[in-house]
Structure formats: structure tokens, C-alpha cells
Amino acid sequence: MGLILGRKPGEKLHIIDAQGREIEIEVVKREDEFGNFTQLRINASRVLQIVRGEIHKDSNSN
């Protein structure tokens, strides 16, 4: 299952697991006009591991 959201800079999304651990994701910058990218700030407990998709994909290909 997936969720697609549109967010503007300054808006946040909170993910909370069954143990009450929370991940806060905030859009901090979005470029338009040929500089098409979004910057995110991710705040999470140190017990949670945050891994970029391309690194996670490479580590699972072994």
C-alpha cells in the first residue's frame, strides 16, 4: 500500500510506529523551472535507521 501526498515547503508529515516512535518529515525546499528536486528534513529517534533508496536497493541486491 502506498500514499502520495503533495506538500509545500514548511509542511510536515509524521509517521508513528506501533511502539510510538515517530518520524517527522518536513519539506524544506522545492525547486521548479528545470531544477526539479525537493529537499527534505527527517527527524527520527536514533534507534531508527534512515537509508536513502539507492543505497538500500544496492545493499539488498547481494
N, C-alpha and C. Protein backbone atom coordinates (compact mmCIF):
# COMPACT_ATOMS: atom_id res chain seq x y z
N MET A 1 0.86 -1.17 0.00
CA MET A 1 0.00 0.00 0.00
C MET A 1 0.90 1.23 0.00
N GLY A 2 0.50 2.26 -0.68
CA GLY A 2 1.28 3.48 -0.75
C GLY A 2 0.40 4.71 -0.58
N LEU A 3 1.04 5.82 -0.31
CA LEU A 3 0.36 7.09 -0.11
C LEU A 3 1.13 8.14 -0.87
N ILE A 4 0.45 8.91 -1.68
CA ILE A 4 1.07 10.00 -2.42
C ILE A 4 0.50 11.30 -1.88
N LEU A 5 1.40 12.19 -1.47
CA LEU A 5 0.99 13.48 -0.91
C LEU A 5 1.70 14.61 -1.63
N GLY A 6 1.04 15.73 -1.75
CA GLY A 6 1.68 16.95 -2.20
C GLY A 6 1.93 17.81 -0.98
N ARG A 7 3.14 18.28 -0.82
CA ARG A 7 3.49 19.10 0.33
C ARG A 7 4.24 20.33 -0.16
N LYS A 8 4.03 21.44 0.51
CA LYS A 8 4.73 22.68 0.22
C LYS A 8 5.85 22.87 1.25
N PRO A 9 6.87 23.67 0.91
CA PRO A 9 7.92 23.94 1.90
C PRO A 9 7.32 24.42 3.23
N GLY A 10 7.83 23.85 4.32
CA GLY A 10 7.34 24.17 5.66
C GLY A 10 6.29 23.18 6.17
N GLU A 11 5.67 22.42 5.25
CA GLU A 11 4.67 21.44 5.67
C GLU A 11 5.36 20.15 6.10
N LYS A 12 4.73 19.44 7.03
CA LYS A 12 5.33 18.25 7.62
C LYS A 12 4.42 17.04 7.49
N LEU A 13 5.04 15.88 7.64
CA LEU A 13 4.36 14.60 7.67
C LEU A 13 4.94 13.83 8.86
N HIS A 14 4.08 13.17 9.63
CA HIS A 14 4.53 12.39 10.79
C HIS A 14 4.17 10.93 10.57
N ILE A 15 5.14 10.06 10.80
CA ILE A 15 4.94 8.61 10.74
C ILE A 15 5.20 8.09 12.14
N ILE A 16 4.24 7.34 12.70
CA ILE A 16 4.36 6.83 14.06
C ILE A 16 4.16 5.32 14.01
N ASP A 17 5.13 4.57 14.55
CA ASP A 17 5.01 3.11 14.53
C ASP A 17 4.24 2.61 15.75
N ALA A 18 4.07 1.30 15.82
CA ALA A 18 3.26 0.69 16.89
C ALA A 18 3.85 0.91 18.28
N GLN A 19 5.16 1.15 18.37
CA GLN A 19 5.79 1.43 19.67
C GLN A 19 5.76 2.90 20.03
N GLY A 20 5.17 3.73 19.19
CA GLY A 20 5.07 5.15 19.46
C GLY A 20 6.26 5.96 18.98
N ARG A 21 7.22 5.29 18.31
CA ARG A 21 8.37 6.03 17.76
C ARG A 21 7.88 6.85 16.57
N GLU A 22 8.40 8.06 16.47
CA GLU A 22 7.90 8.99 15.46
C GLU A 22 9.00 9.43 14.51
N ILE A 23 8.64 9.54 13.25
CA ILE A 23 9.50 10.13 12.23
C ILE A 23 8.77 11.35 11.70
N GLU A 24 9.44 12.49 11.73
CA GLU A 24 8.87 13.73 11.20
C GLU A 24 9.62 14.08 9.92
N ILE A 25 8.87 14.28 8.85
CA ILE A 25 9.46 14.65 7.56
C ILE A 25 8.92 16.02 7.19
N GLU A 26 9.82 16.95 6.91
CA GLU A 26 9.43 18.31 6.55
C GLU A 26 10.03 18.68 5.20
N VAL A 27 9.22 19.26 4.33
CA VAL A 27 9.73 19.80 3.06
C VAL A 27 10.39 21.13 3.38
N VAL A 28 11.68 21.25 3.08
CA VAL A 28 12.38 22.49 3.39
C VAL A 28 12.67 23.32 2.15
N LYS A 29 12.71 22.69 0.97
CA LYS A 29 12.97 23.45 -0.26
C LYS A 29 12.48 22.65 -1.45
N ARG A 30 11.91 23.35 -2.40
CA ARG A 30 11.49 22.70 -3.64
C ARG A 30 11.86 23.62 -4.80
N GLU A 31 12.52 23.08 -5.78
CA GLU A 31 12.94 23.84 -6.96
C GLU A 31 11.98 23.57 -8.11
N ASP A 32 11.75 24.57 -8.91
CA ASP A 32 10.98 24.44 -10.13
C ASP A 32 11.82 24.97 -11.29
N GLU A 33 11.21 25.11 -12.46
CA GLU A 33 11.90 25.66 -13.63
C GLU A 33 13.23 24.96 -13.90
N PHE A 34 13.17 23.70 -14.28
CA PHE A 34 14.32 22.90 -14.71
C PHE A 34 15.24 22.48 -13.57
N GLY A 35 15.04 22.94 -12.37
CA GLY A 35 15.80 22.48 -11.21
C GLY A 35 14.87 21.66 -10.36
N ASN A 36 14.36 20.58 -10.93
CA ASN A 36 13.26 19.81 -10.36
C ASN A 36 13.74 18.89 -9.24
N PHE A 37 13.77 19.34 -8.00
CA PHE A 37 14.10 18.49 -6.87
C PHE A 37 13.44 19.03 -5.61
N THR A 38 13.40 18.19 -4.60
CA THR A 38 12.82 18.56 -3.32
C THR A 38 13.83 18.20 -2.23
N GLN A 39 14.00 19.07 -1.25
CA GLN A 39 14.84 18.76 -0.09
C GLN A 39 13.93 18.49 1.10
N LEU A 40 14.29 17.45 1.84
CA LEU A 40 13.51 17.05 3.00
C LEU A 40 14.37 17.07 4.25
N ARG A 41 13.75 17.40 5.38
CA ARG A 41 14.41 17.27 6.68
C ARG A 41 13.71 16.11 7.39
N ILE A 42 14.47 15.14 7.86
CA ILE A 42 13.90 13.97 8.52
C ILE A 42 14.40 13.94 9.96
N ASN A 43 13.48 13.97 10.90
CA ASN A 43 13.80 13.86 12.32
C ASN A 43 13.25 12.54 12.84
N ALA A 44 14.12 11.73 13.44
CA ALA A 44 13.70 10.43 13.96
C ALA A 44 14.59 10.05 15.13
N SER A 45 14.10 9.15 15.94
CA SER A 45 14.86 8.60 17.04
C SER A 45 16.10 7.91 16.50
N ARG A 46 17.18 7.93 17.25
CA ARG A 46 18.43 7.28 16.81
C ARG A 46 18.28 5.76 16.70
N VAL A 47 17.25 5.18 17.29
CA VAL A 47 17.06 3.73 17.17
C VAL A 47 16.52 3.35 15.80
N LEU A 48 16.02 4.33 15.03
CA LEU A 48 15.52 4.07 13.69
C LEU A 48 16.61 4.38 12.68
N GLN A 49 16.74 3.53 11.69
CA GLN A 49 17.74 3.72 10.65
C GLN A 49 17.08 4.38 9.44
N ILE A 50 17.69 5.44 8.94
CA ILE A 50 17.19 6.12 7.75
C ILE A 50 18.22 5.91 6.65
N VAL A 51 17.79 5.30 5.53
CA VAL A 51 18.70 4.94 4.45
C VAL A 51 18.11 5.45 3.14
N ARG A 52 18.93 6.14 2.33
CA ARG A 52 18.49 6.59 1.01
C ARG A 52 18.14 5.39 0.15
N GLY A 53 17.16 5.54 -0.73
CA GLY A 53 16.66 4.46 -1.55
C GLY A 53 17.71 3.77 -2.39
N GLU A 54 18.62 4.54 -3.02
CA GLU A 54 19.62 3.92 -3.89
C GLU A 54 20.62 3.09 -3.10
N ILE A 55 20.90 3.46 -1.86
CA ILE A 55 21.80 2.68 -1.02
C ILE A 55 21.09 1.42 -0.53
N HIS A 56 19.85 1.54 -0.12
CA HIS A 56 19.05 0.40 0.35
C HIS A 56 18.90 -0.63 -0.76
N LYS A 57 18.63 -0.16 -1.97
CA LYS A 57 18.46 -1.06 -3.11
C LYS A 57 19.76 -1.83 -3.38
N ASP A 58 20.90 -1.14 -3.36
CA ASP A 58 22.19 -1.78 -3.60
C ASP A 58 22.52 -2.81 -2.53
N SER A 59 22.21 -2.53 -1.28
CA SER A 59 22.53 -3.47 -0.20
C SER A 59 21.64 -4.70 -0.24
N ASN A 60 20.46 -4.63 -0.85
CA ASN A 60 19.56 -5.77 -0.95
C ASN A 60 19.83 -6.63 -2.17
N SER A 61 20.73 -6.21 -3.07
CA SER A 61 20.97 -6.95 -4.30
C SER A 61 22.02 -8.05 -4.14
N ASN A 62 22.58 -8.22 -2.94
CA ASN A 62 23.59 -9.26 -2.70
C ASN A 62 23.00 -10.62 -2.64
